Structures are given as C-alpha cells and as structure tokens.
Amino acid sequence: MSLSKKPATPYRSTLSPSSFYGIRCPRCLWLEYWHGIKLPANLALQLLLSRLQEAAYDGVAANVISTEIPDGKVERYKKRFTSQPVKINDEETRWKIYGEIDLLVDHHDGTFSIIDGKVSMKKDAQSLIDSYWTQLEAYVFAFENPYEGVAMPIKTIGLLQWRIDDSLHLDENRRGFSVDHRYVSIPRQPEKFQEFLAKFIGIIEGEFPESGDDCETCKYLEKIGFTY
C-alpha cells in the first residue's frame, strides 16, 4: 500500500501529548498517526535522569519544588489516563488523549496541580513554556474530562526543570553531576489549546500533506530517493 494513502483505520487510535510539542512537519505527523512511521529517538540517558528526578520529589511538600505551587503533597503519578473524545466545533472526533504525567500535587481541597519533569539545557523560561504548554494543557483536558472515573479539577500546571551545570568528584571511583533546579509555572491557555487541537486533528484527518519547510527527516528521505 502507498504510504500517501490512508489505511482503513489509523495506526494510532489516541492522541499522545508527547507529539504536541509543535507541528514541526505535517507530513511526519500524518505518517506517525496513520502508518506508525516515526524516527526513533535515543533517550536512554534522559529517561534515566527523568526517573531519578521523579523519585527525588515523590512524597515531598509542594513548596520543596516551588513556593509558587499552592500547599499540598507531591506524588509520582504513573497511572495511564484516557480522556473523553475531543470535540471540534462541538462535533465529537474519533480522537481521545492518552498518556501519563510525572508528578501530581494533591491540595487536599479536591483540586490538584500537575508538574511535568524536564531534563533540559534550555536557559530561557519562555522557550520551555513555548515548547511544552500544549502537553500540559492536554493533561488538564484529560484529567478534567476523563473517559472513565471522576473528574479531577486542576488548579495549576508547571514544569520542573533539571539543567546539568557542573561535574562533581564524589570519591576515588565515583563522579557525579549537579543540576540547577527550576520550576516554571505555565499560564493556562484553554482556548488557544482548542485552536491547536483543531489544527492538529485537521492535519491528521486530511489528505497526505506537504512536508514542513525545514524538516530534516523529509530532506534525508528525499536525498536517498525514498518515495511514498
């Protein structure tokens, strides 16, 4: 079958917040959801650091991470969740949001906050917000509009960044790294997120799209003579 044609059903049946980092290339996005074609990423070190980061804050008071977060207790929250179907212009689509979060704050008043851990070398806080706000908004939508179970109102959202800044000499045979700990509060943008979802789903549900202007993956495939 030609990869430029849709199969009977998409390869993915749900929307992954991890693909919401921005619509870099419509063609790559379309191929990922309809044919499961995605450039593999080598994230072994990042995943290890992320697990260490989550464990370091499991069970602490929220103010240990930041005084910007309302009082509450932080817990690792690795339960998978599924949202209700996304609606575009009041019409239900086939797409639900599915994923998991890193840390959840229980404020003991029936509300919660979501904290997403990032091991990143970005220095500018706004660049972190620009990269990840859609992912955090997706989490809010899923928690407040669950496919099953009780809705969990979300009070605040934010990013917990670890940025490696130095090496440490621990003892004769052990070395380590120190990290700069930073919490970046994410302003809520639910209306803008709905606009993003409409564009995102519009690309997936449309016909085979053009490549993004600066997509290195598409450029490489073209260079080696790959055809769809």
Protein backbone atom coordinates (compact mmCIF):
# COMPACT_ATOMS: atom_id res chain seq x y z
CA MET A 1 0.00 0.00 0.00
CA SER A 2 1.21 3.52 -0.78
CA LEU A 3 2.19 5.45 2.32
CA SER A 4 0.46 8.53 0.91
CA LYS A 5 -2.90 6.74 1.24
CA LYS A 6 -4.85 6.25 4.46
CA PRO A 7 -5.42 2.68 5.66
CA ALA A 8 -8.87 1.68 6.91
CA THR A 9 -8.01 2.78 10.43
CA PRO A 10 -5.18 4.92 11.88
CA TYR A 11 -2.10 3.21 13.27
CA ARG A 12 -2.64 5.18 16.49
CA SER A 13 -6.10 5.27 18.00
CA THR A 14 -5.38 8.04 20.55
CA LEU A 15 -3.57 11.35 20.65
CA SER A 16 -0.27 11.34 22.52
CA PRO A 17 0.64 14.55 24.42
CA SER A 18 4.28 13.77 23.63
CA SER A 19 3.53 14.61 19.97
CA PHE A 20 2.11 18.02 20.94
CA TYR A 21 5.48 19.79 21.07
CA GLY A 22 4.53 21.74 17.99
CA ILE A 23 3.59 20.90 14.43
CA ARG A 24 7.09 20.88 13.01
CA CYS A 25 6.22 18.82 9.93
CA PRO A 26 2.63 17.98 8.93
CA ARG A 27 3.81 15.08 6.76
CA CYS A 28 5.77 13.41 9.56
CA LEU A 29 2.83 13.90 11.92
CA TRP A 30 0.42 12.35 9.41
CA LEU A 31 2.71 9.37 8.78
CA GLU A 32 3.12 8.77 12.51
CA TYR A 33 -0.62 8.57 13.17
CA TRP A 34 -1.71 6.69 10.04
CA HIS A 35 1.28 4.38 9.42
CA GLY A 36 3.27 4.35 12.67
CA ILE A 37 6.35 5.80 10.96
CA LYS A 38 8.42 7.82 13.38
CA LEU A 39 12.13 8.47 13.63
CA PRO A 40 13.35 6.56 16.73
CA ALA A 41 14.97 8.63 19.44
CA ASN A 42 17.83 7.54 21.69
CA LEU A 43 16.53 8.69 25.07
CA ALA A 44 18.10 6.12 27.42
CA LEU A 45 20.10 8.68 29.44
CA GLN A 46 17.26 11.20 29.51
CA LEU A 47 14.79 8.55 30.69
CA LEU A 48 17.16 7.51 33.50
CA LEU A 49 17.58 11.11 34.65
CA SER A 50 13.81 11.63 34.45
CA ARG A 51 13.16 8.62 36.71
CA LEU A 52 15.72 9.92 39.22
CA GLN A 53 14.09 13.35 39.09
CA GLU A 54 10.60 11.96 39.76
CA ALA A 55 11.85 9.81 42.64
CA ALA A 56 13.64 12.78 44.22
CA TYR A 57 10.36 14.65 44.73
CA ASP A 58 7.99 11.79 45.45
CA GLY A 59 6.15 12.43 48.73
CA VAL A 60 7.54 15.91 49.41
CA ALA A 61 5.57 19.06 50.23
CA ALA A 62 4.80 21.18 47.17
CA ASN A 63 6.88 24.10 48.48
CA VAL A 64 10.01 21.92 48.25
CA ILE A 65 9.64 22.27 44.48
CA SER A 66 8.45 25.87 44.48
CA THR A 67 6.62 28.33 46.67
CA GLU A 68 4.62 29.23 43.53
CA ILE A 69 2.72 25.96 43.90
CA PRO A 70 -0.21 26.03 46.37
CA ASP A 71 0.23 23.91 49.51
CA GLY A 72 -0.11 20.18 49.01
CA LYS A 73 1.70 16.87 48.77
CA VAL A 74 3.58 15.72 45.67
CA GLU A 75 3.31 12.14 44.42
CA ARG A 76 4.71 10.28 41.46
CA TYR A 77 1.70 9.60 39.29
CA LYS A 78 2.39 6.95 36.67
CA LYS A 79 -1.20 5.88 36.09
CA ARG A 80 -2.25 5.89 32.46
CA PHE A 81 -5.24 8.06 31.61
CA THR A 82 -7.65 8.46 28.71
CA SER A 83 -9.80 11.49 28.02
CA GLN A 84 -13.24 11.78 26.55
CA PRO A 85 -13.27 12.21 22.76
CA VAL A 86 -12.05 15.63 21.70
CA LYS A 87 -14.72 17.90 20.22
CA ILE A 88 -14.01 20.33 17.40
CA ASN A 89 -16.70 22.95 16.75
CA ASP A 90 -18.99 20.98 19.09
CA GLU A 91 -18.62 17.83 16.95
CA GLU A 92 -17.11 14.74 18.54
CA THR A 93 -14.00 13.37 16.84
CA ARG A 94 -12.61 9.85 16.95
CA TRP A 95 -9.62 11.08 18.98
CA LYS A 96 -9.07 10.70 22.74
CA ILE A 97 -5.96 11.90 24.59
CA TYR A 98 -3.96 9.10 26.22
CA GLY A 99 -0.81 9.28 28.34
CA GLU A 100 0.66 9.68 31.79
CA ILE A 101 2.06 12.51 33.91
CA ASP A 102 5.12 12.69 36.14
CA LEU A 103 4.09 14.39 39.38
CA LEU A 104 0.70 15.27 40.85
CA VAL A 105 0.08 17.64 43.77
CA ASP A 106 -2.91 16.89 46.00
CA HIS A 107 -4.08 20.17 47.54
CA HIS A 108 -6.44 18.35 49.95
CA ASP A 109 -9.37 20.53 48.86
CA GLY A 110 -10.48 18.42 45.90
CA THR A 111 -8.13 20.15 43.46
CA PHE A 112 -4.76 19.13 42.05
CA SER A 113 -1.73 20.51 40.25
CA ILE A 114 0.25 18.80 37.51
CA ILE A 115 4.04 19.03 37.38
CA ASP A 116 5.89 17.74 34.34
CA GLY A 117 9.57 16.93 34.79
CA LYS A 118 12.08 18.00 32.16
CA VAL A 119 15.80 17.35 31.91
CA SER A 120 16.69 20.17 29.54
CA MET A 121 19.56 22.53 28.82
CA LYS A 122 17.24 25.39 27.83
CA LYS A 123 18.08 28.59 29.71
CA ASP A 124 15.13 30.74 28.74
CA ALA A 125 11.95 30.02 30.69
CA GLN A 126 9.72 31.28 27.88
CA SER A 127 11.26 28.80 25.45
CA LEU A 128 10.30 26.00 27.85
CA ILE A 129 6.75 27.33 28.03
CA ASP A 130 6.53 27.64 24.24
CA SER A 131 7.75 24.07 23.79
CA TYR A 132 5.58 22.31 26.36
CA TRP A 133 2.41 24.28 27.15
CA THR A 134 0.32 22.17 24.75
CA GLN A 135 1.46 18.99 26.51
CA LEU A 136 0.41 20.37 29.91
CA GLU A 137 -2.94 21.58 28.54
CA ALA A 138 -3.53 18.08 27.17
CA TYR A 139 -3.01 16.65 30.64
CA VAL A 140 -5.50 19.12 32.10
CA PHE A 141 -8.10 18.23 29.48
CA ALA A 142 -7.71 14.51 30.20
CA PHE A 143 -7.91 14.90 33.99
CA GLU A 144 -10.90 17.21 33.89
CA ASN A 145 -12.66 15.23 31.13
CA PRO A 146 -11.85 11.58 31.87
CA TYR A 147 -13.18 8.79 29.68
CA GLU A 148 -13.90 6.84 32.87
CA GLY A 149 -13.94 7.76 36.54
CA VAL A 150 -14.30 11.06 38.35
CA ALA A 151 -13.02 14.38 37.01
CA MET A 152 -10.01 15.85 38.84
CA PRO A 153 -10.02 19.68 38.78
CA ILE A 154 -6.56 21.11 38.06
CA LYS A 155 -5.50 24.26 39.92
CA THR A 156 -2.05 24.92 38.41
CA ILE A 157 0.39 23.42 35.90
CA GLY A 158 4.13 23.79 35.56
CA LEU A 159 7.50 22.36 34.57
CA LEU A 160 10.21 21.11 36.92
CA GLN A 161 13.49 21.55 35.06
CA TRP A 162 16.81 19.93 35.83
CA ARG A 163 19.66 21.57 33.94
CA ILE A 164 23.08 19.95 34.30
CA ASP A 165 25.54 22.66 35.35
CA ASP A 166 28.66 21.04 36.85
CA SER A 167 30.58 17.82 37.48
CA LEU A 168 31.31 16.51 40.98
CA HIS A 169 34.19 14.47 42.42
CA LEU A 170 32.43 12.23 44.96
CA ASP A 171 35.25 9.86 45.87
CA GLU A 172 38.15 7.98 44.25
CA ASN A 173 35.98 5.91 41.91
CA ARG A 174 32.78 7.91 41.71
CA ARG A 175 31.86 11.07 39.87
CA GLY A 176 28.57 12.88 39.56
CA PHE A 177 26.73 15.87 38.16
CA SER A 178 24.98 18.74 39.84
CA VAL A 179 21.82 20.21 38.37
CA ASP A 180 20.12 23.57 38.51
CA HIS A 181 16.59 23.03 39.85
CA ARG A 182 13.99 25.40 38.38
CA TYR A 183 10.20 25.46 38.46
CA VAL A 184 8.45 27.22 35.57
CA SER A 185 4.76 27.99 36.05
CA ILE A 186 2.69 27.55 32.87
CA PRO A 187 -0.13 30.05 32.28
CA ARG A 188 -3.40 28.37 31.31
CA GLN A 189 -4.48 28.81 27.67
CA PRO A 190 -7.52 26.53 27.17
CA GLU A 191 -8.99 28.49 24.25
CA LYS A 192 -5.66 28.56 22.42
CA PHE A 193 -5.29 24.83 23.11
CA GLN A 194 -8.65 24.16 21.43
CA GLU A 195 -7.37 26.04 18.38
CA PHE A 196 -4.20 23.93 18.46
CA LEU A 197 -6.22 20.70 18.67
CA ALA A 198 -8.39 21.76 15.73
CA LYS A 199 -5.28 22.36 13.61
CA PHE A 200 -3.57 19.17 14.83
CA ILE A 201 -6.58 16.93 14.15
CA GLY A 202 -7.24 18.73 10.87
CA ILE A 203 -3.80 17.68 9.65
CA ILE A 204 -4.26 14.07 10.74
CA GLU A 205 -7.73 13.75 9.23
CA GLY A 206 -6.73 15.48 6.00
CA GLU A 207 -5.09 14.01 2.95
CA PHE A 208 -1.35 13.37 2.65
CA PRO A 209 0.22 16.76 3.46
CA GLU A 210 3.25 18.62 2.19
CA SER A 211 6.49 18.41 4.13
CA GLY A 212 7.45 21.11 6.61
CA ASP A 213 9.84 23.75 5.26
CA ASP A 214 12.78 22.72 7.42
CA CYS A 215 12.08 19.06 8.13
CA GLU A 216 15.44 17.28 8.23
CA THR A 217 13.75 13.87 8.17
CA CYS A 218 11.89 14.61 4.93
CA LYS A 219 15.03 16.13 3.40
CA TYR A 220 17.01 12.98 4.22
CA LEU A 221 14.34 10.66 2.81
CA GLU A 222 14.24 12.71 -0.38
CA LYS A 223 18.03 12.65 -0.62
CA ILE A 224 18.20 8.84 -0.51
CA GLY A 225 15.42 8.55 -3.07
CA PHE A 226 12.58 7.42 -0.81
CA THR A 227 9.14 7.67 -2.41
CA TYR A 228 5.70 7.48 -0.88
